Amino acid sequence: MKYISTRGLSAPQSFSDILLGGLAPDGGLYLPESYPQVADHLDEWRTLDYAELAFRILSLFIDDIPPADLRNLCQKTYTAETYRHCRPGRNAADIVPLTSLKDDCHLLELSNGPTLAFKDMAMQLLGNLFEYVLDKRGETINILGATSGDTGSAAEYAMLGKHNVRVFMLSPSGKMSAFQRAQMYSLNEPNIFNIAIEGLFDDAQDIVKAVSNDAAFKARYKIGAVNSINWGRVAAQVVYYFKGYFAATRSNSEEVVFSVPSGNFGNICAGHIARMMGLPIKRLILATNENNVLDEFFQTGIYRPRSSAQTHITSSPSMDISKASNFERFVFDLVSRDATVVRDLWQAIDAGGAFDLNATPFMKRLPGFGFVSGSSTHADRLATIRGIWQNHQIMIDPHTADGVKVAQDHSIPGIPTIILETAQAIKFTETIREALGREPLCPATLEGIDSLPQQVTTLPADTAAVKAFVAAHC
């Protein structure tokens, strides 16, 4: 299996090469040359545990790691001990328990890992893959990432104590929840560096992309990425779509609908890929908050990222994103994998503009990919959190609430709808208090984390400043 860039100007690469590299040299994102087809495997896979299912799926994308080693890495990653923060009454051995809210409506619980966010599902595997490949090659790597909340802590916890790895994580100063900041900034580890950027997530993400596009700096300081621009993360996220499908259906002749809270398009991109592989997904519901750039595209065919000044600060802050990095992967498939078209479209985006596909033949293809979309507001969020708690005694976070609300508008009667949970409620204390008038539930092992000493360096939203910091600490 070789991987190609969405912009078409980089040579095909192996999995291990793109695992460590992040962005392609031409500024594009890597995707497999073709998607493996799995319809003939579904019967066999239906009864597998999570670790074995992950091995079977990932082995279709990874052919440069011996199968026995890849299976061991999956078994090392997906254990009940690692994903132990289940709600009371759930079986941690399920890794991603499915909870029914009502007939044909289910919640796939993805936040049982060490940082209580769905990002752990892929990031824990990525940490083990990084360590394995680096040890085999005798290399080191300096990971540069940007987070709007959950990616940062998931990456840092995944890389704790890993051989030959340093992490430099950028976050928007003052824009994350107190619990999210505590998870990241309280880590006192020699290979972890937290940098608060005076700006928004998009500013931090732009810096990461600018550094990644500086080939000389990237090579000199061995810069890698764990954001969802990293194909390894997207591939690992594909697995829980299959697990959720098997849990919600009795036979492989059934279809399902997935509702996915979406900011950077990575999570729902994995669902798109699962569907392209042959998983019977009838519909992918993209749920956004007040920053509805992606919703606007699927409603109108116009992709128009906002400036930092135009981006709303909301109560689902991990989706306060204007430029969705992984959207380029989907558009590559939408335009029949014509890299020339992608380069032209993103030339406009990179220059601060927009694109409109309405005058192109590609809009006729869009319905065939199964996407629908909708947005949610702060008032919607509060009402949804309150309703789920009153009716089911389940406490959901604001992003999951966006997924639930939009799912109510786009589910299909008679077809199971699976809402992907994004995080546990404790990560968003202020909103839970406002919605429910009580404190959110917190796993005992994480109580008091916000009282620990915190270490963070604040820098301006300036690429040169970040480069200087990285260089000084390598």
Protein backbone atom coordinates (compact mmCIF):
# COMPACT_ATOMS: atom_id res chain seq x y z
CA MET A 1 0.00 0.00 0.00
CA LYS A 2 1.41 3.35 -1.08
CA TYR A 3 0.17 6.80 -0.09
CA ILE A 4 -0.28 9.76 -2.40
CA SER A 5 -0.70 13.47 -1.73
CA THR A 6 -3.97 15.29 -2.36
CA ARG A 7 -1.93 17.87 -4.27
CA GLY A 8 -0.23 15.34 -6.51
CA LEU A 9 3.33 16.68 -6.48
CA SER A 10 4.92 14.31 -3.95
CA ALA A 11 6.20 10.81 -4.62
CA PRO A 12 4.17 7.89 -3.23
CA GLN A 13 5.29 6.87 0.25
CA SER A 14 5.03 3.89 2.61
CA PHE A 15 2.94 3.99 5.77
CA SER A 16 5.93 4.32 8.12
CA ASP A 17 7.30 7.23 6.12
CA ILE A 18 4.07 9.23 6.22
CA LEU A 19 3.49 8.26 9.85
CA LEU A 20 6.54 10.30 10.82
CA GLY A 21 6.14 13.04 8.22
CA GLY A 22 2.69 14.62 8.67
CA LEU A 23 2.02 16.91 5.72
CA ALA A 24 3.29 15.91 2.29
CA PRO A 25 6.19 18.02 0.94
CA ASP A 26 3.81 19.68 -1.53
CA GLY A 27 1.55 20.85 1.31
CA GLY A 28 -1.11 18.21 0.69
CA LEU A 29 -2.45 15.39 2.85
CA TYR A 30 -1.74 11.73 2.34
CA LEU A 31 -4.36 9.16 1.39
CA PRO A 32 -4.00 5.55 0.23
CA GLU A 33 -3.77 5.07 -3.52
CA SER A 34 -7.08 3.21 -3.27
CA TYR A 35 -9.46 2.14 -0.51
CA PRO A 36 -9.50 -1.60 0.31
CA GLN A 37 -12.90 -3.21 -0.07
CA VAL A 38 -14.18 -5.18 2.92
CA ALA A 39 -17.68 -6.47 2.15
CA ASP A 40 -16.41 -10.06 2.15
CA HIS A 41 -14.87 -9.62 5.62
CA LEU A 42 -17.83 -8.26 7.54
CA ASP A 43 -19.21 -11.63 8.67
CA GLU A 44 -15.82 -12.67 9.99
CA TRP A 45 -15.17 -9.34 11.71
CA ARG A 46 -18.54 -9.00 13.45
CA THR A 47 -17.57 -10.98 16.56
CA LEU A 48 -13.96 -9.80 16.97
CA ASP A 49 -12.83 -7.86 20.02
CA TYR A 50 -11.62 -4.30 19.50
CA ALA A 51 -7.89 -5.02 19.38
CA GLU A 52 -8.25 -7.79 16.83
CA LEU A 53 -10.68 -5.76 14.72
CA ALA A 54 -8.18 -2.90 14.73
CA PHE A 55 -5.45 -5.25 13.56
CA ARG A 56 -7.58 -6.66 10.72
CA ILE A 57 -8.57 -3.21 9.44
CA LEU A 58 -5.20 -1.53 9.88
CA SER A 59 -3.36 -4.41 8.24
CA LEU A 60 -5.18 -3.45 5.03
CA PHE A 61 -3.44 -0.05 5.20
CA ILE A 62 -0.08 -1.03 6.72
CA ASP A 63 2.15 -3.49 4.87
CA ASP A 64 5.58 -2.31 6.03
CA ILE A 65 5.19 -3.47 9.64
CA PRO A 66 5.26 -7.27 10.10
CA PRO A 67 1.74 -8.58 10.88
CA ALA A 68 2.81 -10.12 14.19
CA ASP A 69 4.28 -6.80 15.32
CA LEU A 70 1.20 -4.84 14.21
CA ARG A 71 -1.09 -7.24 16.06
CA ASN A 72 1.03 -6.85 19.20
CA LEU A 73 0.84 -3.06 18.92
CA CYS A 74 -2.97 -3.21 18.65
CA GLN A 75 -3.21 -5.58 21.61
CA LYS A 76 -0.88 -3.35 23.64
CA THR A 77 -3.04 -0.31 22.84
CA TYR A 78 -6.61 -1.47 23.18
CA THR A 79 -6.84 -2.85 26.71
CA ALA A 80 -9.52 -2.49 29.36
CA GLU A 81 -6.90 -0.96 31.65
CA THR A 82 -6.18 1.88 29.21
CA TYR A 83 -9.85 2.51 28.39
CA ARG A 84 -11.12 2.11 31.93
CA HIS A 85 -13.05 5.34 32.47
CA CYS A 86 -16.41 3.89 31.44
CA ARG A 87 -19.64 5.18 32.91
CA PRO A 88 -21.00 3.02 35.77
CA GLY A 89 -22.56 -0.16 34.48
CA ARG A 90 -20.54 -0.27 31.25
CA ASN A 91 -18.08 -3.04 30.41
CA ALA A 92 -14.59 -1.60 29.93
CA ALA A 93 -13.65 -4.68 27.90
CA ASP A 94 -15.94 -3.37 25.16
CA ILE A 95 -13.53 -0.40 24.74
CA VAL A 96 -16.31 1.56 22.97
CA PRO A 97 -19.64 0.61 24.62
CA LEU A 98 -22.85 1.30 22.72
CA THR A 99 -25.67 2.78 24.81
CA SER A 100 -29.23 2.96 23.50
CA LEU A 101 -31.01 6.25 24.10
CA LYS A 102 -34.22 5.03 22.48
CA ASP A 103 -35.26 2.72 19.66
CA ASP A 104 -32.86 3.09 16.75
CA CYS A 105 -30.83 5.85 18.47
CA HIS A 106 -27.55 5.01 20.14
CA LEU A 107 -24.53 6.68 21.70
CA LEU A 108 -21.12 5.19 20.88
CA GLU A 109 -18.98 5.98 23.92
CA LEU A 110 -15.49 6.89 22.72
CA SER A 111 -14.19 8.79 25.75
CA ASN A 112 -13.08 6.04 28.11
CA GLY A 113 -9.34 6.58 27.58
CA PRO A 114 -6.82 8.39 29.78
CA THR A 115 -7.82 11.94 28.73
CA LEU A 116 -11.59 11.28 28.51
CA ALA A 117 -11.85 12.20 24.82
CA PHE A 118 -12.36 10.29 21.58
CA LYS A 119 -8.89 11.42 20.48
CA ASP A 120 -7.45 8.72 22.77
CA MET A 121 -8.86 6.03 20.48
CA ALA A 122 -6.31 6.88 17.79
CA MET A 123 -3.64 8.72 19.73
CA GLN A 124 -2.76 5.85 22.06
CA LEU A 125 -2.07 3.67 19.02
CA LEU A 126 -0.13 6.47 17.36
CA GLY A 127 2.16 6.71 20.39
CA ASN A 128 2.96 3.03 20.19
CA LEU A 129 3.45 3.18 16.41
CA PHE A 130 5.81 6.15 16.72
CA GLU A 131 7.92 4.41 19.34
CA TYR A 132 8.07 1.20 17.29
CA VAL A 133 9.09 2.87 14.03
CA LEU A 134 11.59 5.22 15.66
CA ASP A 135 13.25 2.38 17.55
CA LYS A 136 13.51 0.31 14.38
CA ARG A 137 15.08 3.21 12.50
CA GLY A 138 17.21 4.57 15.32
CA GLU A 139 15.68 8.02 14.83
CA THR A 140 14.18 10.78 16.96
CA ILE A 141 11.21 13.05 16.27
CA ASN A 142 9.91 16.39 17.51
CA ILE A 143 6.13 16.48 17.30
CA LEU A 144 4.59 19.87 16.62
CA GLY A 145 0.84 20.02 17.00
CA ALA A 146 -2.07 22.39 17.52
CA THR A 147 -5.11 21.70 19.67
CA SER A 148 -8.48 23.29 20.28
CA GLY A 149 -8.82 21.21 23.43
CA ASP A 150 -8.65 17.44 23.30
CA THR A 151 -5.97 16.61 20.73
CA GLY A 152 -3.25 18.16 22.85
CA SER A 153 -3.82 16.21 26.03
CA ALA A 154 -4.45 12.99 24.07
CA ALA A 155 -1.16 13.43 22.21
CA GLU A 156 0.80 14.27 25.33
CA TYR A 157 -0.55 11.34 27.32
CA ALA A 158 0.11 9.02 24.37
CA MET A 159 3.73 10.19 24.10
CA LEU A 160 4.63 10.19 27.80
CA GLY A 161 7.88 8.30 28.27
CA LYS A 162 8.11 7.26 24.63
CA HIS A 163 11.63 6.76 23.34
CA ASN A 164 13.11 9.50 21.16
CA VAL A 165 9.98 11.70 21.12
CA ARG A 166 9.45 15.33 22.15
CA VAL A 167 6.06 17.06 21.94
CA PHE A 168 5.54 20.78 21.30
CA MET A 169 1.80 21.46 21.60
CA LEU A 170 0.23 24.78 20.61
CA SER A 171 -3.12 25.80 22.09
CA PRO A 172 -5.17 29.03 21.95
CA SER A 173 -4.46 31.01 25.11
CA GLY A 174 -7.49 31.12 27.40
CA LYS A 175 -9.81 29.45 24.90
CA MET A 176 -9.90 25.88 26.29
CA SER A 177 -11.89 24.72 29.30
CA ALA A 178 -10.21 24.76 32.73
CA PHE A 179 -10.11 20.95 32.83
CA GLN A 180 -8.55 20.74 29.37
CA ARG A 181 -5.86 23.22 30.37
CA ALA A 182 -5.20 21.31 33.59
CA GLN A 183 -4.79 18.02 31.74
CA MET A 184 -2.14 19.50 29.47
CA TYR A 185 -0.37 22.11 31.54
CA SER A 186 -0.06 20.00 34.70
CA LEU A 187 2.17 17.45 32.98
CA ASN A 188 5.69 17.81 34.34
CA GLU A 189 7.57 15.68 31.85
CA PRO A 190 10.91 16.50 30.20
CA ASN A 191 9.66 15.62 26.70
CA ILE A 192 6.45 17.68 26.84
CA PHE A 193 6.31 21.42 26.01
CA ASN A 194 3.05 23.39 26.13
CA ILE A 195 2.81 26.67 24.20
CA ALA A 196 -0.20 28.97 24.58
CA ILE A 197 -0.66 31.04 21.42
CA GLU A 198 -2.13 34.52 21.73
CA GLY A 199 -4.92 33.89 19.24
CA LEU A 200 -7.39 31.20 18.16
CA PHE A 201 -6.98 27.58 17.18
CA ASP A 202 -6.81 28.52 13.51
CA ASP A 203 -3.78 30.70 14.28
CA ALA A 204 -2.07 27.79 16.01
CA GLN A 205 -2.97 25.42 13.17
CA ASP A 206 -1.63 27.89 10.59
CA ILE A 207 1.69 28.01 12.45
CA VAL A 208 1.96 24.22 12.46
CA LYS A 209 1.28 24.14 8.71
CA ALA A 210 3.81 26.92 8.07
CA VAL A 211 6.50 25.08 9.99
CA SER A 212 5.65 21.82 8.22
CA ASN A 213 5.94 23.58 4.86
CA ASP A 214 9.45 24.84 5.71
CA ALA A 215 11.32 21.81 4.38
CA ALA A 216 14.72 22.88 5.68
CA PHE A 217 13.52 23.57 9.23
CA LYS A 218 11.41 20.42 9.24
CA ALA A 219 14.37 18.27 8.18
CA ARG A 220 16.88 19.91 10.53
CA TYR A 221 14.69 19.54 13.61
CA LYS A 222 12.94 16.31 12.57
CA ILE A 223 9.42 17.77 12.83
CA GLY A 224 6.49 15.37 12.82
CA ALA A 225 2.75 15.76 13.41
CA VAL A 226 0.01 14.07 15.40
CA ASN A 227 -2.87 16.34 14.41
CA SER A 228 -5.50 14.76 12.24
CA ILE A 229 -3.39 15.72 9.24
CA ASN A 230 -1.51 12.54 10.23
CA TRP A 231 -2.97 9.64 8.26
CA GLY A 232 -2.23 7.19 11.09
CA ARG A 233 -4.80 8.90 13.28
CA VAL A 234 -7.51 8.87 10.64
CA ALA A 235 -6.88 5.20 9.87
CA ALA A 236 -7.18 4.27 13.55
CA GLN A 237 -10.47 6.17 13.81
CA VAL A 238 -11.95 4.09 10.99
CA VAL A 239 -12.00 1.10 13.36
CA TYR A 240 -14.70 2.35 15.72
CA TYR A 241 -17.12 2.96 12.85
CA PHE A 242 -16.99 -0.76 12.18
CA LYS A 243 -17.28 -1.62 15.88
CA GLY A 244 -20.26 0.70 16.27
CA TYR A 245 -21.93 -0.73 13.18
CA PHE A 246 -21.59 -4.30 14.44
CA ALA A 247 -22.95 -3.34 17.88
CA ALA A 248 -26.03 -1.57 16.47
CA THR A 249 -27.02 -4.20 13.87
CA ARG A 250 -27.77 -7.89 13.73
CA SER A 251 -26.76 -8.58 10.15
CA ASN A 252 -24.56 -7.07 7.48
CA SER A 253 -27.58 -6.40 5.27
CA GLU A 254 -28.59 -3.51 7.55
CA GLU A 255 -27.59 0.10 7.06
CA VAL A 256 -26.84 2.71 9.74
CA VAL A 257 -26.58 6.47 10.11
CA PHE A 258 -23.69 8.10 11.98
CA SER A 259 -23.96 11.57 13.52
CA VAL A 260 -20.55 13.14 14.08
CA PRO A 261 -19.68 16.44 15.81
CA SER A 262 -17.23 17.98 13.37
CA GLY A 263 -14.67 20.76 13.62
CA ASN A 264 -11.51 19.76 11.78
CA PHE A 265 -13.30 17.07 9.71
CA GLY A 266 -10.94 14.31 10.89
CA ASN A 267 -13.49 12.23 12.80
CA ILE A 268 -16.12 12.26 10.07
CA CYS A 269 -13.43 11.79 7.41
CA ALA A 270 -12.77 8.40 9.00
CA GLY A 271 -16.47 7.63 8.57
CA HIS A 272 -16.29 8.67 4.93
CA ILE A 273 -13.38 6.27 4.44
CA ALA A 274 -15.22 3.43 6.22
CA ARG A 275 -18.14 4.02 3.86
CA MET A 276 -15.83 4.03 0.83
CA MET A 277 -14.45 0.69 2.05
CA GLY A 278 -17.93 -0.82 1.94
CA LEU A 279 -19.29 -0.43 5.47
CA PRO A 280 -23.08 -0.08 5.02
CA ILE A 281 -23.42 3.57 6.11
CA LYS A 282 -26.58 5.11 4.68
CA ARG A 283 -25.88 8.63 5.88
CA LEU A 284 -23.13 10.66 7.57
CA ILE A 285 -24.58 13.53 9.58
CA LEU A 286 -22.08 16.36 10.03
CA ALA A 287 -22.89 18.39 13.15
CA THR A 288 -21.32 21.81 13.68
CA ASN A 289 -21.73 24.61 16.18
CA GLU A 290 -22.07 28.34 15.47
CA ASN A 291 -18.88 28.08 13.38
CA ASN A 292 -20.81 26.48 10.55
CA VAL A 293 -18.30 26.64 7.70
CA LEU A 294 -18.67 22.93 6.93
CA ASP A 295 -22.45 23.02 7.27
CA GLU A 296 -22.48 25.91 4.79
CA PHE A 297 -20.53 23.85 2.27
CA PHE A 298 -22.83 20.85 2.40
CA GLN A 299 -25.86 23.13 2.22
CA THR A 300 -24.64 25.46 -0.54
CA GLY A 301 -21.51 24.06 -2.20
CA ILE A 302 -19.47 27.04 -1.02
CA TYR A 303 -16.45 26.54 1.23
CA ARG A 304 -15.65 29.84 2.88
CA PRO A 305 -13.33 29.72 5.91
CA ARG A 306 -13.68 32.66 8.26
CA SER A 307 -10.95 34.85 9.64
CA SER A 308 -9.95 34.61 13.30
CA ALA A 309 -11.97 37.76 13.97
CA GLN A 310 -15.06 36.11 12.43
CA THR A 311 -14.76 32.84 14.38
CA HIS A 312 -17.22 32.52 17.26
CA ILE A 313 -16.08 31.54 20.76
CA THR A 314 -18.65 28.93 21.78
CA SER A 315 -19.50 26.47 24.52
CA SER A 316 -18.32 23.60 22.29
CA PRO A 317 -14.82 25.06 21.93
CA SER A 318 -13.11 22.09 20.32
CA MET A 319 -15.17 22.88 17.21
CA ASP A 320 -14.34 26.58 17.14
CA ILE A 321 -12.49 25.98 13.90
CA SER A 322 -12.80 27.78 10.60
CA LYS A 323 -10.28 25.92 8.43
CA ALA A 324 -10.97 22.18 8.53
CA SER A 325 -7.70 20.52 7.60
CA ASN A 326 -9.11 17.09 6.75
CA PHE A 327 -11.75 18.54 4.47
CA GLU A 328 -9.10 18.49 1.73
CA ARG A 329 -9.05 14.70 1.90
CA PHE A 330 -12.77 14.50 1.23
CA VAL A 331 -12.63 17.07 -1.57
CA PHE A 332 -9.87 15.02 -3.21
CA ASP A 333 -12.31 12.11 -3.44
CA LEU A 334 -15.19 14.40 -4.45
CA VAL A 335 -13.26 15.75 -7.45
CA SER A 336 -12.41 12.20 -8.58
CA ARG A 337 -8.90 12.44 -7.10
CA ASP A 338 -7.81 15.11 -9.53
CA ALA A 339 -4.90 16.71 -7.67
CA THR A 340 -4.76 19.60 -10.14
CA VAL A 341 -8.27 20.62 -9.11
CA VAL A 342 -7.36 20.34 -5.42
CA ARG A 343 -4.28 22.51 -5.90
CA ASP A 344 -6.34 25.19 -7.61
CA LEU A 345 -9.05 25.12 -4.94
CA TRP A 346 -6.59 25.31 -2.04
CA GLN A 347 -4.58 28.01 -3.70
CA ALA A 348 -7.65 30.17 -3.14
CA ILE A 349 -8.09 28.91 0.43
CA ASP A 350 -4.44 29.41 1.35
CA ALA A 351 -4.69 32.96 0.03
CA GLY A 352 -7.56 33.65 2.44
CA GLY A 353 -10.35 33.16 -0.08
CA ALA A 354 -13.10 30.63 -0.74
CA PHE A 355 -14.31 28.28 -3.48
CA ASP A 356 -17.70 27.55 -4.98
CA LEU A 357 -18.36 24.17 -6.62
CA ASN A 358 -21.83 25.00 -7.89
CA ALA A 359 -20.63 25.74 -11.42
CA THR A 360 -18.64 22.50 -11.56
CA PRO A 361 -19.68 18.90 -12.32
CA PHE A 362 -18.56 17.88 -8.84
CA MET A 363 -21.73 19.10 -7.14
CA LYS A 364 -23.67 16.38 -8.94
CA ARG A 365 -21.42 13.82 -7.23
CA LEU A 366 -21.88 15.23 -3.73
CA PRO A 367 -25.17 13.44 -2.82
CA GLY A 368 -23.55 10.10 -3.62
CA PHE A 369 -21.21 10.45 -0.64
CA GLY A 370 -24.08 10.34 1.85
CA PHE A 371 -23.43 13.58 3.74
CA VAL A 372 -26.05 15.80 5.33
CA SER A 373 -25.33 18.56 7.83
CA GLY A 374 -26.71 20.91 10.44
CA SER A 375 -25.63 23.25 13.20
CA SER A 376 -26.38 23.76 16.87
CA THR A 377 -26.41 26.80 19.16
CA HIS A 378 -25.60 27.37 22.83
CA ALA A 379 -29.30 27.22 23.69
CA ASP A 380 -29.64 23.95 21.74
CA ARG A 381 -26.65 22.56 23.61
CA LEU A 382 -28.08 23.35 27.04
CA ALA A 383 -31.49 21.93 26.16
CA THR A 384 -29.97 18.73 24.73
CA ILE A 385 -27.69 18.14 27.72
CA ARG A 386 -30.66 18.72 30.03
CA GLY A 387 -32.94 16.41 28.06
CA ILE A 388 -30.48 13.52 27.86
CA TRP A 389 -29.80 13.78 31.60
CA GLN A 390 -33.49 13.92 32.55
CA ASN A 391 -34.55 11.09 30.23
CA HIS A 392 -31.56 8.76 30.42
CA GLN A 393 -29.40 9.85 33.40
CA ILE A 394 -26.47 10.18 30.99
CA MET A 395 -24.32 13.29 31.21
CA ILE A 396 -23.00 14.34 27.79
CA ASP A 397 -20.52 17.04 26.88
CA PRO A 398 -21.42 20.06 24.70
CA HIS A 399 -19.90 18.64 21.49
CA THR A 400 -21.78 15.38 21.83
CA ALA A 401 -24.88 17.49 22.45
CA ASP A 402 -24.34 19.12 19.06
CA GLY A 403 -24.24 15.63 17.53
CA VAL A 404 -27.45 14.60 19.31
CA LYS A 405 -29.31 17.77 18.34
CA VAL A 406 -28.42 17.62 14.64
CA ALA A 407 -29.12 13.87 14.57
CA GLN A 408 -32.70 14.60 15.63
CA ASP A 409 -33.10 16.64 12.45
CA HIS A 410 -31.54 14.15 10.04
CA SER A 411 -32.09 10.60 11.31
CA ILE A 412 -34.01 8.15 9.12
CA PRO A 413 -36.95 6.23 10.66
CA GLY A 414 -36.26 2.52 10.90
CA ILE A 415 -32.49 2.87 10.44
CA PRO A 416 -30.22 2.90 13.51
CA THR A 417 -28.59 6.25 14.21
CA ILE A 418 -25.24 6.12 16.03
CA ILE A 419 -24.06 9.36 17.63
CA LEU A 420 -20.32 9.52 18.23
CA GLU A 421 -19.51 10.75 21.72
CA THR A 422 -16.54 13.11 21.80
CA ALA A 423 -15.65 13.63 25.47
CA GLN A 424 -16.82 13.20 29.03
CA ALA A 425 -18.77 16.03 30.62
CA ILE A 426 -16.14 16.85 33.27
CA LYS A 427 -14.03 18.51 30.59
CA PHE A 428 -16.68 21.25 30.25
CA THR A 429 -17.68 22.05 33.82
CA GLU A 430 -19.06 25.55 33.20
CA THR A 431 -21.55 24.43 30.55
CA ILE A 432 -22.70 21.42 32.58
CA ARG A 433 -23.32 23.67 35.58
CA GLU A 434 -25.35 26.02 33.40
CA ALA A 435 -27.38 23.20 31.86
CA LEU A 436 -27.96 21.01 34.92
CA GLY A 437 -27.25 23.17 37.96
CA ARG A 438 -24.82 20.60 39.31
CA GLU A 439 -21.22 19.51 39.03
CA PRO A 440 -20.28 17.10 36.23
CA LEU A 441 -19.28 13.55 37.04
CA CYS A 442 -15.53 12.95 37.28
CA PRO A 443 -13.59 9.67 37.37
CA ALA A 444 -12.00 9.27 40.79
CA THR A 445 -8.50 8.99 39.33
CA LEU A 446 -8.75 12.52 37.88
CA GLU A 447 -10.29 14.38 40.81
CA GLY A 448 -8.29 17.44 41.83
CA ILE A 449 -6.34 17.68 38.58
CA ASP A 450 -7.17 21.38 38.25
CA SER A 451 -5.34 22.13 41.52
CA LEU A 452 -2.01 20.79 40.28
CA PRO A 453 0.80 23.23 39.32
CA GLN A 454 0.69 24.17 35.64
CA GLN A 455 3.55 24.90 33.26
CA VAL A 456 3.02 26.69 29.94
CA THR A 457 4.86 29.19 27.77
CA THR A 458 2.84 31.98 26.15
CA LEU A 459 3.94 33.14 22.70
CA PRO A 460 2.48 35.48 20.07
CA ALA A 461 0.75 34.01 17.02
CA ASP A 462 4.02 34.19 15.12
CA THR A 463 5.69 31.33 13.25
CA ALA A 464 9.19 32.69 13.83
CA ALA A 465 8.63 32.79 17.60
CA VAL A 466 7.47 29.18 17.65
CA LYS A 467 10.40 28.09 15.49
CA ALA A 468 12.82 29.79 17.86
CA PHE A 469 11.24 28.04 20.86
CA VAL A 470 11.43 24.64 19.18
CA ALA A 471 15.03 25.17 18.13
CA ALA A 472 16.01 26.23 21.65
CA HIS A 473 14.54 23.10 23.23
CA CYS A 474 15.67 20.44 20.76
